[in-house]
Amino acid sequence: MTLQKLKQYNIFENEKLLSLDLLKYQGFCNINYLLKTSEKDYLIRQFKSDATVNISRAYEYAIQEKAHKKNIAAQPLLLDEKKQFMICDFLKGKHKKIINKTEIQLLAKNIKKLHKIKTYEKEYHLKKDLKLYKKNLKDEQAKKSINICKKELKRLKNHKKELVTTHHDLNPKNILFHKNTIKFIDWEYVGVNDKFFDLATICFEFGLKMKEEKILLKSYQKKINKKDMEKLHSYILIYEHLCKLWFMSLKDEEIKA
């Protein structure tokens, strides 16, 4: 990616492109740049790999646009699928590993906004991914994680399925805190899943204790009961072991390469 290549796009016709620098934090599927112009800052997301992404970039762009209208994401400005990159407004903010009660409550409210985005995508089926992991990963650690996921999926049959548009990757690197606002970035994994998946992700990634989990749930849906907590903990286990399997598959690909 170069300034010369970016100059051809109409969104910059009245601006002077000043600098293009790699950002400190990089994802697994994108190379992220900060573009400074005479008018403002932009985020350039060059697609590195779609190997583990289940949703198309066009769908990612469309959902992020809807999320921007709800004030929970940066505005996407251009998608060039042929040249494999996206341009968005650049968001100020910082990533946090520890969050307080107020931040937990605001996170819950923003996740609820996200979950209200209408979509016509098909439901994400975890069982399909587990079959692929079982086929490709043969070590005992992988087998253990697959079995734990299957066990929790059986338990979840006793709970109502509540499908919504989910971000699917709400780890601390994909959440920006700025003053009194929280916004989500890196939407490539967006899809349709149970609403508890995103909530469980927050619980696991920020290491929330039981009291904090209840604050999150109550801020999201006002009332909670024992079954809600059971469902949440099943999804926390599923998310934890999905992450383990995902990183195992990345290492396996590196070894094969």
C-alpha atoms as a PDB file:
ATOM      1  CA  MET A   1       0.000   0.000   0.000  1.00  0.00           C
ATOM      2  CA  THR A   2       1.409   3.420  -1.005  1.00  0.00           C
ATOM      3  CA  LEU A   3       0.273   7.055  -1.071  1.00  0.00           C
ATOM      4  CA  GLN A   4       0.541   7.009  -4.858  1.00  0.00           C
ATOM      5  CA  LYS A   5      -1.981   4.167  -5.114  1.00  0.00           C
ATOM      6  CA  LEU A   6      -4.401   5.932  -2.793  1.00  0.00           C
ATOM      7  CA  LYS A   7      -4.331   9.211  -4.732  1.00  0.00           C
ATOM      8  CA  GLN A   8      -6.449   7.685  -7.513  1.00  0.00           C
ATOM      9  CA  TYR A   9      -9.563   7.455  -5.309  1.00  0.00           C
ATOM     10  CA  ASN A  10     -12.156  10.227  -5.533  1.00  0.00           C
ATOM     11  CA  ILE A  11     -12.670  10.504  -1.773  1.00  0.00           C
ATOM     12  CA  PHE A  12      -9.267  12.219  -1.600  1.00  0.00           C
ATOM     13  CA  GLU A  13      -9.703  14.577  -4.581  1.00  0.00           C
ATOM     14  CA  ASN A  14      -9.803  17.706  -2.395  1.00  0.00           C
ATOM     15  CA  GLU A  15      -7.155  16.570   0.072  1.00  0.00           C
ATOM     16  CA  LYS A  16      -3.388  16.350   0.101  1.00  0.00           C
ATOM     17  CA  LEU A  17      -2.101  12.961   1.228  1.00  0.00           C
ATOM     18  CA  LEU A  18       0.639  13.540   3.802  1.00  0.00           C
ATOM     19  CA  SER A  19       1.740  10.224   5.310  1.00  0.00           C
ATOM     20  CA  LEU A  20       0.941   6.514   5.501  1.00  0.00           C
ATOM     21  CA  ASP A  21       2.226   4.597   8.518  1.00  0.00           C
ATOM     22  CA  LEU A  22       1.757   1.092   9.895  1.00  0.00           C
ATOM     23  CA  LEU A  23      -0.194   1.049  13.134  1.00  0.00           C
ATOM     24  CA  LYS A  24       1.306  -0.449  16.282  1.00  0.00           C
ATOM     25  CA  TYR A  25      -1.502  -2.998  16.726  1.00  0.00           C
ATOM     26  CA  GLN A  26      -2.077  -5.392  13.833  1.00  0.00           C
ATOM     27  CA  GLY A  27      -4.711  -8.090  13.365  1.00  0.00           C
ATOM     28  CA  PHE A  28      -4.332 -11.585  11.958  1.00  0.00           C
ATOM     29  CA  CYS A  29      -6.405 -10.904   8.853  1.00  0.00           C
ATOM     30  CA  ASN A  30      -5.497  -7.298   8.008  1.00  0.00           C
ATOM     31  CA  ILE A  31      -2.564  -4.912   7.728  1.00  0.00           C
ATOM     32  CA  ASN A  32      -3.643  -1.610   9.270  1.00  0.00           C
ATOM     33  CA  TYR A  33      -2.317   1.813   8.281  1.00  0.00           C
ATOM     34  CA  LEU A  34      -2.916   5.350   9.505  1.00  0.00           C
ATOM     35  CA  LEU A  35      -3.328   7.725   6.584  1.00  0.00           C
ATOM     36  CA  LYS A  36      -2.923  11.431   7.368  1.00  0.00           C
ATOM     37  CA  THR A  37      -4.208  14.005   4.895  1.00  0.00           C
ATOM     38  CA  SER A  38      -4.522  17.778   4.906  1.00  0.00           C
ATOM     39  CA  GLU A  39      -8.095  17.377   6.192  1.00  0.00           C
ATOM     40  CA  LYS A  40      -8.294  14.362   8.524  1.00  0.00           C
ATOM     41  CA  ASP A  41      -7.025  10.895   9.508  1.00  0.00           C
ATOM     42  CA  TYR A  42      -8.135   7.626   7.896  1.00  0.00           C
ATOM     43  CA  LEU A  43      -7.715   3.943   8.652  1.00  0.00           C
ATOM     44  CA  ILE A  44      -6.567   1.812   5.720  1.00  0.00           C
ATOM     45  CA  ARG A  45      -7.288  -1.882   6.207  1.00  0.00           C
ATOM     46  CA  GLN A  46      -5.434  -4.038   3.679  1.00  0.00           C
ATOM     47  CA  PHE A  47      -6.775  -7.596   3.708  1.00  0.00           C
ATOM     48  CA  LYS A  48      -4.024 -10.062   4.503  1.00  0.00           C
ATOM     49  CA  SER A  49      -5.999 -13.273   4.807  1.00  0.00           C
ATOM     50  CA  ASP A  50      -9.601 -14.382   4.457  1.00  0.00           C
ATOM     51  CA  ALA A  51      -8.724 -18.003   5.245  1.00  0.00           C
ATOM     52  CA  THR A  52     -10.428 -17.972   8.628  1.00  0.00           C
ATOM     53  CA  VAL A  53     -13.158 -15.464   7.810  1.00  0.00           C
ATOM     54  CA  ASN A  54     -16.648 -16.867   7.285  1.00  0.00           C
ATOM     55  CA  ILE A  55     -18.285 -13.693   5.998  1.00  0.00           C
ATOM     56  CA  SER A  56     -17.553 -11.684   2.867  1.00  0.00           C
ATOM     57  CA  ARG A  57     -15.854  -8.288   2.988  1.00  0.00           C
ATOM     58  CA  ALA A  58     -18.904  -6.744   1.331  1.00  0.00           C
ATOM     59  CA  TYR A  59     -21.048  -8.023   4.202  1.00  0.00           C
ATOM     60  CA  GLU A  60     -18.510  -6.739   6.725  1.00  0.00           C
ATOM     61  CA  TYR A  61     -18.660  -3.293   5.089  1.00  0.00           C
ATOM     62  CA  ALA A  62     -22.467  -3.251   5.052  1.00  0.00           C
ATOM     63  CA  ILE A  63     -22.813  -4.186   8.726  1.00  0.00           C
ATOM     64  CA  GLN A  64     -20.115  -1.742   9.812  1.00  0.00           C
ATOM     65  CA  GLU A  65     -22.016   0.992   7.971  1.00  0.00           C
ATOM     66  CA  LYS A  66     -25.147   0.130   9.961  1.00  0.00           C
ATOM     67  CA  ALA A  67     -23.114   0.013  13.179  1.00  0.00           C
ATOM     68  CA  HIS A  68     -21.708   3.473  12.403  1.00  0.00           C
ATOM     69  CA  LYS A  69     -25.251   4.846  12.204  1.00  0.00           C
ATOM     70  CA  LYS A  70     -25.775   3.486  15.731  1.00  0.00           C
ATOM     71  CA  ASN A  71     -22.586   5.289  16.823  1.00  0.00           C
ATOM     72  CA  ILE A  72     -20.715   2.098  17.745  1.00  0.00           C
ATOM     73  CA  ALA A  73     -18.248   1.879  14.815  1.00  0.00           C
ATOM     74  CA  ALA A  74     -16.129   3.967  12.476  1.00  0.00           C
ATOM     75  CA  GLN A  75     -17.725   5.067   9.224  1.00  0.00           C
ATOM     76  CA  PRO A  76     -16.579   2.867   6.322  1.00  0.00           C
ATOM     77  CA  LEU A  77     -15.880   5.036   3.280  1.00  0.00           C
ATOM     78  CA  LEU A  78     -14.623   2.789   0.507  1.00  0.00           C
ATOM     79  CA  LEU A  79     -14.262  -0.912  -0.249  1.00  0.00           C
ATOM     80  CA  ASP A  80     -12.071  -2.105  -3.111  1.00  0.00           C
ATOM     81  CA  GLU A  81     -12.520  -5.883  -3.154  1.00  0.00           C
ATOM     82  CA  LYS A  82     -10.359  -6.281  -6.256  1.00  0.00           C
ATOM     83  CA  LYS A  83      -7.362  -4.605  -4.626  1.00  0.00           C
ATOM     84  CA  GLN A  84      -8.294  -6.044  -1.246  1.00  0.00           C
ATOM     85  CA  PHE A  85      -8.578  -3.069   1.056  1.00  0.00           C
ATOM     86  CA  MET A  86     -11.038  -0.843   2.898  1.00  0.00           C
ATOM     87  CA  ILE A  87     -10.917   2.802   3.970  1.00  0.00           C
ATOM     88  CA  CYS A  88     -12.633   3.978   7.168  1.00  0.00           C
ATOM     89  CA  ASP A  89     -12.607   7.023   9.379  1.00  0.00           C
ATOM     90  CA  PHE A  90      -9.846   6.768  11.967  1.00  0.00           C
ATOM     91  CA  LEU A  91     -11.078   6.431  15.555  1.00  0.00           C
ATOM     92  CA  LYS A  92      -9.255   7.880  18.530  1.00  0.00           C
ATOM     93  CA  GLY A  93      -9.165   5.780  21.665  1.00  0.00           C
ATOM     94  CA  LYS A  94      -7.264   3.208  23.665  1.00  0.00           C
ATOM     95  CA  HIS A  95      -7.565  -0.482  24.400  1.00  0.00           C
ATOM     96  CA  LYS A  96      -8.116  -1.681  27.969  1.00  0.00           C
ATOM     97  CA  LYS A  97      -7.501  -5.001  29.684  1.00  0.00           C
ATOM     98  CA  ILE A  98      -9.383  -4.090  32.871  1.00  0.00           C
ATOM     99  CA  ILE A  99     -12.788  -2.364  32.884  1.00  0.00           C
ATOM    100  CA  ASN A 100     -14.833  -0.806  35.667  1.00  0.00           C
ATOM    101  CA  LYS A 101     -18.557  -0.991  36.423  1.00  0.00           C
ATOM    102  CA  THR A 102     -19.446   2.051  34.284  1.00  0.00           C
ATOM    103  CA  GLU A 103     -17.513   0.660  31.314  1.00  0.00           C
ATOM    104  CA  ILE A 104     -19.182  -2.749  31.725  1.00  0.00           C
ATOM    105  CA  GLN A 105     -22.594  -1.080  31.663  1.00  0.00           C
ATOM    106  CA  LEU A 106     -21.754   1.003  28.581  1.00  0.00           C
ATOM    107  CA  LEU A 107     -20.330  -2.062  26.824  1.00  0.00           C
ATOM    108  CA  ALA A 108     -23.581  -3.933  27.468  1.00  0.00           C
ATOM    109  CA  LYS A 109     -25.643  -1.067  26.022  1.00  0.00           C
ATOM    110  CA  ASN A 110     -23.460  -0.859  22.911  1.00  0.00           C
ATOM    111  CA  ILE A 111     -23.590  -4.624  22.394  1.00  0.00           C
ATOM    112  CA  LYS A 112     -27.372  -4.399  22.587  1.00  0.00           C
ATOM    113  CA  LYS A 113     -27.297  -1.726  19.838  1.00  0.00           C
ATOM    114  CA  LEU A 114     -25.137  -4.054  17.745  1.00  0.00           C
ATOM    115  CA  HIS A 115     -27.500  -6.968  18.300  1.00  0.00           C
ATOM    116  CA  LYS A 116     -30.426  -4.905  17.017  1.00  0.00           C
ATOM    117  CA  ILE A 117     -28.858  -4.516  13.572  1.00  0.00           C
ATOM    118  CA  LYS A 118     -31.024  -6.333  11.036  1.00  0.00           C
ATOM    119  CA  THR A 119     -29.368  -8.919   8.859  1.00  0.00           C
ATOM    120  CA  TYR A 120     -30.369 -11.663   6.456  1.00  0.00           C
ATOM    121  CA  GLU A 121     -27.265 -13.808   6.855  1.00  0.00           C
ATOM    122  CA  LYS A 122     -27.580 -17.452   7.823  1.00  0.00           C
ATOM    123  CA  GLU A 123     -26.828 -18.622  11.346  1.00  0.00           C
ATOM    124  CA  TYR A 124     -23.231 -19.464  12.196  1.00  0.00           C
ATOM    125  CA  HIS A 125     -22.991 -23.193  12.920  1.00  0.00           C
ATOM    126  CA  LEU A 126     -20.248 -24.039  15.387  1.00  0.00           C
ATOM    127  CA  LYS A 127     -20.539 -27.765  14.670  1.00  0.00           C
ATOM    128  CA  LYS A 128     -19.148 -27.225  11.159  1.00  0.00           C
ATOM    129  CA  ASP A 129     -16.032 -25.562  12.558  1.00  0.00           C
ATOM    130  CA  LEU A 130     -15.610 -28.307  15.135  1.00  0.00           C
ATOM    131  CA  LYS A 131     -15.706 -30.926  12.362  1.00  0.00           C
ATOM    132  CA  LEU A 132     -12.944 -29.072  10.515  1.00  0.00           C
ATOM    133  CA  TYR A 133     -10.837 -28.790  13.655  1.00  0.00           C
ATOM    134  CA  LYS A 134     -11.346 -32.493  14.345  1.00  0.00           C
ATOM    135  CA  LYS A 135     -10.209 -33.309  10.805  1.00  0.00           C
ATOM    136  CA  ASN A 136      -7.125 -31.068  10.859  1.00  0.00           C
ATOM    137  CA  LEU A 137      -5.972 -31.097  14.483  1.00  0.00           C
ATOM    138  CA  LYS A 138      -4.970 -34.481  15.889  1.00  0.00           C
ATOM    139  CA  ASP A 139      -3.261 -33.703  19.212  1.00  0.00           C
ATOM    140  CA  GLU A 140      -4.846 -34.431  22.603  1.00  0.00           C
ATOM    141  CA  GLN A 141      -5.236 -30.764  23.531  1.00  0.00           C
ATOM    142  CA  ALA A 142      -7.363 -30.162  20.419  1.00  0.00           C
ATOM    143  CA  LYS A 143      -9.485 -33.251  21.130  1.00  0.00           C
ATOM    144  CA  LYS A 144     -10.090 -32.013  24.682  1.00  0.00           C
ATOM    145  CA  SER A 145     -11.219 -28.569  23.498  1.00  0.00           C
ATOM    146  CA  ILE A 146     -13.501 -30.070  20.833  1.00  0.00           C
ATOM    147  CA  ASN A 147     -15.127 -32.380  23.397  1.00  0.00           C
ATOM    148  CA  ILE A 148     -15.699 -29.500  25.837  1.00  0.00           C
ATOM    149  CA  CYS A 149     -17.396 -27.457  23.087  1.00  0.00           C
ATOM    150  CA  LYS A 150     -19.607 -30.405  22.146  1.00  0.00           C
ATOM    151  CA  LYS A 151     -20.549 -30.978  25.783  1.00  0.00           C
ATOM    152  CA  GLU A 152     -21.576 -27.341  26.230  1.00  0.00           C
ATOM    153  CA  LEU A 153     -23.539 -27.360  22.970  1.00  0.00           C
ATOM    154  CA  LYS A 154     -25.590 -30.250  24.344  1.00  0.00           C
ATOM    155  CA  ARG A 155     -26.277 -28.262  27.508  1.00  0.00           C
ATOM    156  CA  LEU A 156     -27.369 -25.275  25.428  1.00  0.00           C
ATOM    157  CA  LYS A 157     -30.177 -27.351  23.925  1.00  0.00           C
ATOM    158  CA  ASN A 158     -31.996 -26.754  27.224  1.00  0.00           C
ATOM    159  CA  HIS A 159     -31.915 -23.007  26.598  1.00  0.00           C
ATOM    160  CA  LYS A 160     -33.803 -20.809  24.170  1.00  0.00           C
ATOM    161  CA  LYS A 161     -31.801 -19.848  21.095  1.00  0.00           C
ATOM    162  CA  GLU A 162     -31.700 -16.059  20.655  1.00  0.00           C
ATOM    163  CA  LEU A 163     -30.153 -15.244  17.276  1.00  0.00           C
ATOM    164  CA  VAL A 164     -28.862 -11.742  16.559  1.00  0.00           C
ATOM    165  CA  THR A 165     -26.164  -9.990  14.531  1.00  0.00           C
ATOM    166  CA  THR A 166     -22.974 -10.672  16.487  1.00  0.00           C
ATOM    167  CA  HIS A 167     -19.518  -9.096  16.206  1.00  0.00           C
ATOM    168  CA  HIS A 168     -17.966 -12.483  17.037  1.00  0.00           C
ATOM    169  CA  ASP A 169     -14.566 -11.065  18.028  1.00  0.00           C
ATOM    170  CA  LEU A 170     -15.000  -8.605  20.906  1.00  0.00           C
ATOM    171  CA  ASN A 171     -11.536  -9.006  22.367  1.00  0.00           C
ATOM    172  CA  PRO A 172      -9.829  -5.939  23.948  1.00  0.00           C
ATOM    173  CA  LYS A 173      -7.920  -5.126  20.738  1.00  0.00           C
ATOM    174  CA  ASN A 174     -11.234  -4.670  18.929  1.00  0.00           C
ATOM    175  CA  ILE A 175     -12.756  -2.294  21.488  1.00  0.00           C
ATOM    176  CA  LEU A 176     -11.774   1.377  21.669  1.00  0.00           C
ATOM    177  CA  PHE A 177     -12.414   3.486  24.763  1.00  0.00           C
ATOM    178  CA  HIS A 178     -12.408   7.263  24.244  1.00  0.00           C
ATOM    179  CA  LYS A 179     -13.686   9.684  26.890  1.00  0.00           C
ATOM    180  CA  ASN A 180     -17.256   8.483  27.581  1.00  0.00           C
ATOM    181  CA  THR A 181     -17.658   6.412  24.411  1.00  0.00           C
ATOM    182  CA  ILE A 182     -16.903   2.852  23.376  1.00  0.00           C
ATOM    183  CA  LYS A 183     -16.679   1.729  19.758  1.00  0.00           C
ATOM    184  CA  PHE A 184     -15.986  -1.595  18.075  1.00  0.00           C
ATOM    185  CA  ILE A 185     -13.471  -2.172  15.277  1.00  0.00           C
ATOM    186  CA  ASP A 186     -12.408  -5.063  12.986  1.00  0.00           C
ATOM    187  CA  TRP A 187     -15.762  -6.407  11.830  1.00  0.00           C
ATOM    188  CA  GLU A 188     -14.565  -9.228   9.538  1.00  0.00           C
ATOM    189  CA  TYR A 189     -16.035 -11.987  11.705  1.00  0.00           C
ATOM    190  CA  VAL A 190     -19.485 -10.412  11.984  1.00  0.00           C
ATOM    191  CA  GLY A 191     -22.293 -12.932  11.576  1.00  0.00           C
ATOM    192  CA  VAL A 192     -25.403 -14.411  13.161  1.00  0.00           C
ATOM    193  CA  ASN A 193     -25.222 -16.243  16.464  1.00  0.00           C
ATOM    194  CA  ASP A 194     -26.847 -16.360  19.883  1.00  0.00           C
ATOM    195  CA  LYS A 195     -26.646 -13.018  21.698  1.00  0.00           C
ATOM    196  CA  PHE A 196     -24.840 -14.710  24.605  1.00  0.00           C
ATOM    197  CA  PHE A 197     -21.778 -15.357  22.426  1.00  0.00           C
ATOM    198  CA  ASP A 198     -20.701 -11.689  22.384  1.00  0.00           C
ATOM    199  CA  LEU A 199     -21.559 -11.303  26.075  1.00  0.00           C
ATOM    200  CA  ALA A 200     -19.522 -14.392  26.955  1.00  0.00           C
ATOM    201  CA  THR A 201     -16.599 -13.030  24.935  1.00  0.00           C
ATOM    202  CA  ILE A 202     -16.540  -9.883  27.080  1.00  0.00           C
ATOM    203  CA  CYS A 203     -16.687 -11.968  30.281  1.00  0.00           C
ATOM    204  CA  PHE A 204     -13.774 -14.158  29.232  1.00  0.00           C
ATOM    205  CA  GLU A 205     -11.551 -11.536  27.596  1.00  0.00           C
ATOM    206  CA  PHE A 206     -11.799  -9.074  30.487  1.00  0.00           C
ATOM    207  CA  GLY A 207     -11.729 -11.775  33.168  1.00  0.00           C
ATOM    208  CA  LEU A 208     -15.004 -10.641  34.725  1.00  0.00           C
ATOM    209  CA  LYS A 209     -15.952 -12.095  38.102  1.00  0.00           C
ATOM    210  CA  MET A 210     -19.448 -13.399  38.884  1.00  0.00           C
ATOM    211  CA  LYS A 211     -20.577 -10.041  40.281  1.00  0.00           C
ATOM    212  CA  GLU A 212     -19.352  -8.251  37.144  1.00  0.00           C
ATOM    213  CA  GLU A 213     -20.980 -10.841  34.872  1.00  0.00           C
ATOM    214  CA  LYS A 214     -24.305 -10.070  36.543  1.00  0.00           C
ATOM    215  CA  ILE A 215     -23.754  -6.323  36.009  1.00  0.00           C
ATOM    216  CA  LEU A 216     -23.130  -6.997  32.314  1.00  0.00           C
ATOM    217  CA  LEU A 217     -26.266  -9.122  31.925  1.00  0.00           C
ATOM    218  CA  LYS A 218     -28.496  -6.773  33.934  1.00  0.00           C
ATOM    219  CA  SER A 219     -27.284  -3.811  31.880  1.00  0.00           C
ATOM    220  CA  TYR A 220     -28.056  -5.756  28.723  1.00  0.00           C
ATOM    221  CA  GLN A 221     -31.464  -7.231  29.550  1.00  0.00           C
ATOM    222  CA  LYS A 222     -32.490  -5.771  32.968  1.00  0.00           C
ATOM    223  CA  LYS A 223     -33.592  -9.068  34.526  1.00  0.00           C
ATOM    224  CA  ILE A 224     -31.505 -12.221  34.886  1.00  0.00           C
ATOM    225  CA  ASN A 225     -32.065 -15.640  36.394  1.00  0.00           C
ATOM    226  CA  LYS A 226     -30.166 -18.853  37.106  1.00  0.00           C
ATOM    227  CA  LYS A 227     -30.714 -20.179  33.561  1.00  0.00           C
ATOM    228  CA  ASP A 228     -29.220 -17.008  32.071  1.00  0.00           C
ATOM    229  CA  MET A 229     -26.056 -17.472  34.117  1.00  0.00           C
ATOM    230  CA  GLU A 230     -25.851 -21.151  33.129  1.00  0.00           C
ATOM    231  CA  LYS A 231     -26.209 -20.222  29.472  1.00  0.00           C
ATOM    232  CA  LEU A 232     -23.585 -17.495  29.795  1.00  0.00           C
ATOM    233  CA  HIS A 233     -21.083 -19.867  31.399  1.00  0.00           C
ATOM    234  CA  SER A 234     -21.620 -22.458  28.660  1.00  0.00           C
ATOM    235  CA  TYR A 235     -20.790 -19.830  26.053  1.00  0.00           C
ATOM    236  CA  ILE A 236     -17.773 -18.652  28.044  1.00  0.00           C
ATOM    237  CA  LEU A 237     -16.376 -22.208  27.931  1.00  0.00           C
ATOM    238  CA  ILE A 238     -17.191 -22.528  24.236  1.00  0.00           C
ATOM    239  CA  TYR A 239     -15.485 -19.216  23.442  1.00  0.00           C
ATOM    240  CA  GLU A 240     -12.401 -20.111  25.500  1.00  0.00           C
ATOM    241  CA  HIS A 241     -11.893 -23.401  23.693  1.00  0.00           C
ATOM    242  CA  LEU A 242     -12.757 -22.018  20.263  1.00  0.00           C
ATOM    243  CA  CYS A 243      -9.922 -19.532  20.767  1.00  0.00           C
ATOM    244  CA  LYS A 244      -7.562 -22.373  21.703  1.00  0.00           C
ATOM    245  CA  LEU A 245      -8.562 -24.320  18.599  1.00  0.00           C
ATOM    246  CA  TRP A 246      -8.197 -21.254  16.386  1.00  0.00           C
ATOM    247  CA  PHE A 247      -4.654 -20.556  17.604  1.00  0.00           C
ATOM    248  CA  MET A 248      -3.780 -24.256  17.260  1.00  0.00           C
ATOM    249  CA  SER A 249      -4.954 -24.162  13.643  1.00  0.00           C
ATOM    250  CA  LEU A 250      -2.809 -21.077  12.956  1.00  0.00           C
ATOM    251  CA  LYS A 251       0.275 -22.834  14.349  1.00  0.00           C
ATOM    252  CA  ASP A 252      -0.586 -25.907  12.296  1.00  0.00           C
ATOM    253  CA  GLU A 253      -0.769 -23.791   9.120  1.00  0.00           C
ATOM    254  CA  GLU A 254       2.616 -22.206   9.937  1.00  0.00           C
ATOM    255  CA  ILE A 255       4.203 -25.634  10.380  1.00  0.00           C
ATOM    256  CA  LYS A 256       2.786 -26.838   7.051  1.00  0.00           C
ATOM    257  CA  ALA A 257       3.973 -23.674   5.302  1.00  0.00           C
END
